PDB file of N, CA and C in Angstrom:
ATOM      1  N   MET A   1       5.773  -6.374 -33.025  1.00  0.00           N
ATOM      2  CA  MET A   1       5.459  -6.912 -31.804  1.00  0.00           C
ATOM      3  C   MET A   1       4.179  -7.792 -32.341  1.00  0.00           C
ATOM      4  N   ARG A   2       4.141  -8.657 -31.355  1.00  0.00           N
ATOM      5  CA  ARG A   2       3.272  -9.551 -31.146  1.00  0.00           C
ATOM      6  C   ARG A   2       2.009  -9.465 -30.008  1.00  0.00           C
ATOM      7  N   PRO A   3       0.774  -9.361 -30.823  1.00  0.00           N
ATOM      8  CA  PRO A   3      -0.228  -9.015 -29.523  1.00  0.00           C
ATOM      9  C   PRO A   3      -0.259 -10.327 -28.550  1.00  0.00           C
ATOM     10  N   LEU A   4      -0.439  -9.881 -27.578  1.00  0.00           N
ATOM     11  CA  LEU A   4      -0.406 -10.692 -26.555  1.00  0.00           C
ATOM     12  C   LEU A   4      -1.542 -11.300 -25.836  1.00  0.00           C
ATOM     13  N   GLY A   5      -2.725 -10.513 -25.839  1.00  0.00           N
ATOM     14  CA  GLY A   5      -4.157 -10.790 -25.258  1.00  0.00           C
ATOM     15  C   GLY A   5      -4.045 -10.800 -23.687  1.00  0.00           C
ATOM     16  N   ARG A   6      -3.736  -9.474 -23.183  1.00  0.00           N
ATOM     17  CA  ARG A   6      -3.814  -9.243 -21.781  1.00  0.00           C
ATOM     18  C   ARG A   6      -4.934  -9.917 -21.083  1.00  0.00           C
ATOM     19  N   ARG A   7      -4.691 -10.090 -19.814  1.00  0.00           N
ATOM     20  CA  ARG A   7      -5.683 -11.023 -18.791  1.00  0.00           C
ATOM     21  C   ARG A   7      -5.915 -10.014 -17.735  1.00  0.00           C
ATOM     22  N   LEU A   8      -5.401  -9.440 -17.519  1.00  0.00           N
ATOM     23  CA  LEU A   8      -5.420  -8.295 -16.590  1.00  0.00           C
ATOM     24  C   LEU A   8      -4.819  -6.896 -16.639  1.00  0.00           C
ATOM     25  N   ALA A   9      -5.513  -5.884 -16.472  1.00  0.00           N
ATOM     26  CA  ALA A   9      -5.419  -4.302 -16.417  1.00  0.00           C
ATOM     27  C   ALA A   9      -5.201  -4.200 -14.864  1.00  0.00           C
ATOM     28  N   VAL A  10      -4.279  -3.765 -14.499  1.00  0.00           N
ATOM     29  CA  VAL A  10      -4.232  -3.347 -12.842  1.00  0.00           C
ATOM     30  C   VAL A  10      -5.141  -2.060 -12.603  1.00  0.00           C
ATOM     31  N   GLY A  11      -4.899  -1.195 -13.869  1.00  0.00           N
ATOM     32  CA  GLY A  11      -5.386   0.104 -13.933  1.00  0.00           C
ATOM     33  C   GLY A  11      -4.523   0.899 -12.835  1.00  0.00           C
ATOM     34  N   ASP A  12      -3.277   1.109 -13.630  1.00  0.00           N
ATOM     35  CA  ASP A  12      -1.783   1.983 -12.923  1.00  0.00           C
ATOM     36  C   ASP A  12      -1.936   3.191 -13.515  1.00  0.00           C
ATOM     37  N   ARG A  13      -2.565   3.329 -14.263  1.00  0.00           N
ATOM     38  CA  ARG A  13      -2.679   4.805 -14.893  1.00  0.00           C
ATOM     39  C   ARG A  13      -3.279   5.816 -14.232  1.00  0.00           C
ATOM     40  N   GLU A  14      -4.191   5.202 -13.334  1.00  0.00           N
ATOM     41  CA  GLU A  14      -4.687   6.450 -12.741  1.00  0.00           C
ATOM     42  C   GLU A  14      -4.107   6.426 -11.201  1.00  0.00           C
ATOM     43  N   PRO A  15      -4.073   7.230 -10.042  1.00  0.00           N
ATOM     44  CA  PRO A  15      -3.169   6.932  -8.765  1.00  0.00           C
ATOM     45  C   PRO A  15      -4.223   6.134  -7.954  1.00  0.00           C
ATOM     46  N   PRO A  16      -4.231   4.983  -7.906  1.00  0.00           N
ATOM     47  CA  PRO A  16      -5.003   3.637  -6.880  1.00  0.00           C
ATOM     48  C   PRO A  16      -4.347   3.891  -5.658  1.00  0.00           C
ATOM     49  N   GLY A  17      -2.842   3.853  -6.171  1.00  0.00           N
ATOM     50  CA  GLY A  17      -2.099   3.696  -4.556  1.00  0.00           C
ATOM     51  C   GLY A  17      -1.281   2.249  -4.641  1.00  0.00           C
ATOM     52  N   THR A  18      -0.483   2.324  -3.869  1.00  0.00           N
ATOM     53  CA  THR A  18       0.651   1.117  -3.920  1.00  0.00           C
ATOM     54  C   THR A  18      -0.283  -0.079  -3.617  1.00  0.00           C
ATOM     55  N   ASP A  19      -1.084   0.082  -2.346  1.00  0.00           N
ATOM     56  CA  ASP A  19      -1.500  -1.029  -1.516  1.00  0.00           C
ATOM     57  C   ASP A  19      -2.777  -1.772  -2.497  1.00  0.00           C
ATOM     58  N   GLU A  20      -3.288  -0.907  -3.331  1.00  0.00           N
ATOM     59  CA  GLU A  20      -4.362  -1.284  -4.083  1.00  0.00           C
ATOM     60  C   GLU A  20      -3.874  -1.794  -5.166  1.00  0.00           C
ATOM     61  N   LEU A  21      -2.387  -1.741  -5.944  1.00  0.00           N
ATOM     62  CA  LEU A  21      -2.441  -1.823  -6.985  1.00  0.00           C
ATOM     63  C   LEU A  21      -1.976  -3.472  -6.659  1.00  0.00           C
ATOM     64  N   VAL A  22      -1.027  -3.450  -5.504  1.00  0.00           N
ATOM     65  CA  VAL A  22      -0.705  -5.064  -4.936  1.00  0.00           C
ATOM     66  C   VAL A  22      -2.200  -5.992  -4.771  1.00  0.00           C
ATOM     67  N   ARG A  23      -3.106  -5.288  -4.195  1.00  0.00           N
ATOM     68  CA  ARG A  23      -4.379  -6.085  -3.869  1.00  0.00           C
ATOM     69  C   ARG A  23      -4.929  -6.447  -5.377  1.00  0.00           C
ATOM     70  N   ARG A  24      -5.189  -5.571  -6.240  1.00  0.00           N
ATOM     71  CA  ARG A  24      -5.503  -6.054  -7.657  1.00  0.00           C
ATOM     72  C   ARG A  24      -4.521  -7.167  -8.484  1.00  0.00           C
ATOM     73  N   LEU A  25      -3.328  -6.997  -8.238  1.00  0.00           N
ATOM     74  CA  LEU A  25      -2.430  -7.819  -8.392  1.00  0.00           C
ATOM     75  C   LEU A  25      -2.641  -9.493  -7.912  1.00  0.00           C
ATOM     76  N   ARG A  26      -2.464  -9.312  -6.623  1.00  0.00           N
ATOM     77  CA  ARG A  26      -2.864 -10.521  -5.659  1.00  0.00           C
ATOM     78  C   ARG A  26      -4.381 -11.523  -6.161  1.00  0.00           C
ATOM     79  N   GLU A  27      -5.174 -10.665  -6.481  1.00  0.00           N
ATOM     80  CA  GLU A  27      -6.758 -10.943  -6.739  1.00  0.00           C
ATOM     81  C   GLU A  27      -6.877 -11.498  -8.001  1.00  0.00           C
ATOM     82  N   GLY A  28      -6.441 -10.707  -8.859  1.00  0.00           N
ATOM     83  CA  GLY A  28      -6.419 -10.904 -10.280  1.00  0.00           C
ATOM     84  C   GLY A  28      -5.520 -11.854 -11.281  1.00  0.00           C
ATOM     85  N   THR A  29      -4.244 -12.474 -11.083  1.00  0.00           N
ATOM     86  CA  THR A  29      -3.868 -13.096 -11.547  1.00  0.00           C
ATOM     87  C   THR A  29      -3.892 -14.527 -11.375  1.00  0.00           C
ATOM     88  N   THR A  30      -3.788 -15.270 -12.312  1.00  0.00           N
ATOM     89  CA  THR A  30      -4.318 -16.593 -12.441  1.00  0.00           C
ATOM     90  C   THR A  30      -2.834 -17.130 -13.230  1.00  0.00           C
ATOM     91  N   PRO A  31      -2.517 -18.540 -13.496  1.00  0.00           N
ATOM     92  CA  PRO A  31      -1.728 -19.036 -13.889  1.00  0.00           C
ATOM     93  C   PRO A  31      -1.352 -18.835 -15.305  1.00  0.00           C
ATOM     94  N   GLY A  32      -0.642 -18.360 -15.747  1.00  0.00           N
ATOM     95  CA  GLY A  32      -0.585 -18.035 -17.244  1.00  0.00           C
ATOM     96  C   GLY A  32      -0.708 -16.707 -17.775  1.00  0.00           C
ATOM     97  N   ALA A  33      -1.114 -15.771 -16.921  1.00  0.00           N
ATOM     98  CA  ALA A  33      -1.460 -14.326 -17.079  1.00  0.00           C
ATOM     99  C   ALA A  33      -0.857 -13.604 -17.492  1.00  0.00           C
ATOM    100  N   VAL A  34      -1.442 -12.711 -18.382  1.00  0.00           N
ATOM    101  CA  VAL A  34      -0.387 -11.651 -18.817  1.00  0.00           C
ATOM    102  C   VAL A  34      -1.055 -10.352 -18.159  1.00  0.00           C
ATOM    103  N   VAL A  35      -0.125  -9.484 -17.592  1.00  0.00           N
ATOM    104  CA  VAL A  35      -0.541  -8.365 -16.719  1.00  0.00           C
ATOM    105  C   VAL A  35      -0.023  -7.072 -17.412  1.00  0.00           C
ATOM    106  N   LEU A  36      -0.786  -6.410 -17.599  1.00  0.00           N
ATOM    107  CA  LEU A  36      -0.393  -4.835 -18.248  1.00  0.00           C
ATOM    108  C   LEU A  36       0.043  -3.970 -17.068  1.00  0.00           C
ATOM    109  N   LEU A  37       0.989  -3.589 -16.949  1.00  0.00           N
ATOM    110  CA  LEU A  37       1.801  -2.305 -16.383  1.00  0.00           C
ATOM    111  C   LEU A  37       2.266  -1.166 -17.264  1.00  0.00           C
ATOM    112  N   HIS A  38       2.241   0.048 -16.463  1.00  0.00           N
ATOM    113  CA  HIS A  38       3.035   1.040 -17.362  1.00  0.00           C
ATOM    114  C   HIS A  38       4.083   1.396 -16.775  1.00  0.00           C
ATOM    115  N   ASP A  39       5.070   1.988 -17.503  1.00  0.00           N
ATOM    116  CA  ASP A  39       6.599   2.433 -16.995  1.00  0.00           C
ATOM    117  C   ASP A  39       6.892   3.798 -17.226  1.00  0.00           C
ATOM    118  N   GLY A  40       5.743   4.271 -18.059  1.00  0.00           N
ATOM    119  CA  GLY A  40       6.340   5.606 -18.615  1.00  0.00           C
ATOM    120  C   GLY A  40       4.834   6.366 -18.510  1.00  0.00           C
ATOM    121  N   GLY A  41       4.678   7.580 -18.786  1.00  0.00           N
ATOM    122  CA  GLY A  41       3.923   8.521 -18.909  1.00  0.00           C
ATOM    123  C   GLY A  41       3.495   9.483 -17.605  1.00  0.00           C
ATOM    124  N   GLY A  42       4.457   9.636 -16.751  1.00  0.00           N
ATOM    125  CA  GLY A  42       4.138  10.422 -15.725  1.00  0.00           C
ATOM    126  C   GLY A  42       4.954   9.372 -14.225  1.00  0.00           C
ATOM    127  N   ASP A  43       4.549  10.011 -13.075  1.00  0.00           N
ATOM    128  CA  ASP A  43       4.936   9.214 -12.254  1.00  0.00           C
ATOM    129  C   ASP A  43       4.581   7.813 -12.048  1.00  0.00           C
ATOM    130  N   ARG A  44       5.542   7.022 -11.920  1.00  0.00           N
ATOM    131  CA  ARG A  44       4.940   5.499 -11.805  1.00  0.00           C
ATOM    132  C   ARG A  44       5.580   5.008 -10.452  1.00  0.00           C
ATOM    133  N   ARG A  45       5.803   5.609  -9.461  1.00  0.00           N
ATOM    134  CA  ARG A  45       6.367   5.209  -8.609  1.00  0.00           C
ATOM    135  C   ARG A  45       5.572   4.385  -7.622  1.00  0.00           C
ATOM    136  N   GLN A  46       4.096   4.221  -7.802  1.00  0.00           N
ATOM    137  CA  GLN A  46       3.494   3.303  -7.289  1.00  0.00           C
ATOM    138  C   GLN A  46       3.102   1.846  -8.078  1.00  0.00           C
ATOM    139  N   THR A  47       3.608   2.005  -9.526  1.00  0.00           N
ATOM    140  CA  THR A  47       3.729   0.975 -10.111  1.00  0.00           C
ATOM    141  C   THR A  47       4.986  -0.214  -9.700  1.00  0.00           C
ATOM    142  N   VAL A  48       5.934   0.814  -9.853  1.00  0.00           N
ATOM    143  CA  VAL A  48       7.138   0.256  -9.511  1.00  0.00           C
ATOM    144  C   VAL A  48       7.407  -0.562  -7.943  1.00  0.00           C
ATOM    145  N   GLU A  49       6.756   0.548  -6.942  1.00  0.00           N
ATOM    146  CA  GLU A  49       6.888  -0.152  -5.706  1.00  0.00           C
ATOM    147  C   GLU A  49       5.751  -1.330  -5.326  1.00  0.00           C
ATOM    148  N   ALA A  50       4.520  -1.369  -6.362  1.00  0.00           N
ATOM    149  CA  ALA A  50       3.630  -2.730  -6.354  1.00  0.00           C
ATOM    150  C   ALA A  50       4.531  -3.747  -6.908  1.00  0.00           C
ATOM    151  N   VAL A  51       5.036  -3.572  -7.904  1.00  0.00           N
ATOM    152  CA  VAL A  51       6.203  -4.709  -8.429  1.00  0.00           C
ATOM    153  C   VAL A  51       7.216  -5.339  -7.575  1.00  0.00           C
ATOM    154  N   ASP A  52       8.045  -4.338  -6.827  1.00  0.00           N
ATOM    155  CA  ASP A  52       9.182  -4.660  -5.747  1.00  0.00           C
ATOM    156  C   ASP A  52       8.194  -5.515  -4.612  1.00  0.00           C
ATOM    157  N   ARG A  53       7.278  -5.174  -4.405  1.00  0.00           N
ATOM    158  CA  ARG A  53       6.244  -6.071  -3.369  1.00  0.00           C
ATOM    159  C   ARG A  53       5.982  -7.140  -3.753  1.00  0.00           C
ATOM    160  N   ILE A  54       5.204  -7.092  -5.095  1.00  0.00           N
ATOM    161  CA  ILE A  54       4.186  -8.422  -5.644  1.00  0.00           C
ATOM    162  C   ILE A  54       5.441  -9.434  -6.051  1.00  0.00           C
ATOM    163  N   ILE A  55       6.798  -9.452  -6.645  1.00  0.00           N
ATOM    164  CA  ILE A  55       7.195 -10.395  -7.347  1.00  0.00           C
ATOM    165  C   ILE A  55       8.171 -11.239  -6.290  1.00  0.00           C
ATOM    166  N   PRO A  56       8.764 -10.823  -5.150  1.00  0.00           N
ATOM    167  CA  PRO A  56       9.010 -11.795  -4.111  1.00  0.00           C
ATOM    168  C   PRO A  56       8.095 -12.909  -3.512  1.00  0.00           C
ATOM    169  N   GLU A  57       6.561 -11.992  -3.497  1.00  0.00           N
ATOM    170  CA  GLU A  57       5.749 -12.865  -2.963  1.00  0.00           C
ATOM    171  C   GLU A  57       5.126 -13.955  -4.044  1.00  0.00           C
ATOM    172  N   PHE A  58       5.042 -13.417  -5.054  1.00  0.00           N
ATOM    173  CA  PHE A  58       4.655 -14.555  -6.297  1.00  0.00           C
ATOM    174  C   PHE A  58       5.857 -15.776  -6.339  1.00  0.00           C
ATOM    175  N   ARG A  59       7.305 -15.327  -6.134  1.00  0.00           N
ATOM    176  CA  ARG A  59       8.392 -16.009  -6.386  1.00  0.00           C
ATOM    177  C   ARG A  59       8.070 -17.126  -5.348  1.00  0.00           C
ATOM    178  N   ALA A  60       8.306 -16.610  -3.920  1.00  0.00           N
ATOM    179  CA  ALA A  60       7.750 -17.354  -2.715  1.00  0.00           C
ATOM    180  C   ALA A  60       6.909 -18.520  -2.789  1.00  0.00           C
ATOM    181  N   ALA A  61       5.904 -18.100  -3.622  1.00  0.00           N
ATOM    182  CA  ALA A  61       4.783 -18.806  -4.234  1.00  0.00           C
ATOM    183  C   ALA A  61       5.135 -19.960  -5.202  1.00  0.00           C
ATOM    184  N   GLY A  62       5.968 -19.749  -5.791  1.00  0.00           N
ATOM    185  CA  GLY A  62       6.566 -20.818  -6.867  1.00  0.00           C
ATOM    186  C   GLY A  62       6.129 -20.343  -8.093  1.00  0.00           C
ATOM    187  N   ARG A  63       5.494 -19.465  -8.494  1.00  0.00           N
ATOM    188  CA  ARG A  63       5.505 -18.780  -9.394  1.00  0.00           C
ATOM    189  C   ARG A  63       6.632 -18.223 -10.323  1.00  0.00           C
ATOM    190  N   ARG A  64       6.840 -18.193 -11.531  1.00  0.00           N
ATOM    191  CA  ARG A  64       7.882 -17.809 -12.326  1.00  0.00           C
ATOM    192  C   ARG A  64       7.412 -16.620 -13.500  1.00  0.00           C
ATOM    193  N   PHE A  65       8.324 -16.000 -13.681  1.00  0.00           N
ATOM    194  CA  PHE A  65       7.982 -14.960 -14.819  1.00  0.00           C
ATOM    195  C   PHE A  65       9.078 -15.063 -16.162  1.00  0.00           C
ATOM    196  N   ASP A  66       8.072 -14.435 -17.126  1.00  0.00           N
ATOM    197  CA  ASP A  66       9.305 -15.033 -18.556  1.00  0.00           C
ATOM    198  C   ASP A  66       8.729 -14.054 -19.626  1.00  0.00           C
ATOM    199  N   MET A  67       8.961 -13.775 -20.245  1.00  0.00           N
ATOM    200  CA  MET A  67       9.061 -12.666 -21.492  1.00  0.00           C
ATOM    201  C   MET A  67       8.493 -13.497 -22.775  1.00  0.00           C
ATOM    202  N   PRO A  68       8.116 -12.878 -23.467  1.00  0.00           N
ATOM    203  CA  PRO A  68       7.400 -13.407 -24.970  1.00  0.00           C
ATOM    204  C   PRO A  68       8.446 -13.929 -25.643  1.00  0.00           C
ATOM    205  N   ALA A  69       8.285 -14.830 -26.216  1.00  0.00           N
ATOM    206  CA  ALA A  69       9.300 -15.351 -27.133  1.00  0.00           C
ATOM    207  C   ALA A  69       9.466 -14.212 -28.584  1.00  0.00           C
ATOM    208  N   ARG A  70      10.685 -13.803 -29.193  1.00  0.00           N
ATOM    209  CA  ARG A  70      10.905 -12.982 -30.004  1.00  0.00           C
ATOM    210  C   ARG A  70      10.558 -13.997 -31.386  1.00  0.00           C
ATOM    211  N   ARG A  71       9.865 -13.226 -31.959  1.00  0.00           N
ATOM    212  CA  ARG A  71       9.983 -13.669 -33.838  1.00  0.00           C
ATOM    213  C   ARG A  71      11.078 -13.547 -34.314  1.00  0.00           C
ATOM    214  N   ALA A  72      11.148 -14.222 -35.114  1.00  0.00           N
ATOM    215  CA  ALA A  72      12.336 -14.674 -36.079  1.00  0.00           C
ATOM    216  C   ALA A  72      12.365 -13.816 -37.155  1.00  0.00           C
TER     217      ALA A  72
END
């Protein structure tokens, strides 16, 4: 794996709640941001719910999402 150098860790390991995660994503992301979110290690419902809410909002604002290029 290639290090990406995240720009925003929203702190979803502790349970701040979905609304707080959405707020952190809205306020903390900038063009080209690399955001660290967790999908394992316990109950991740709040993270999944926050992503379900924020992606349509970001897309409507013209943002796009991408995955890092794989190394050969």
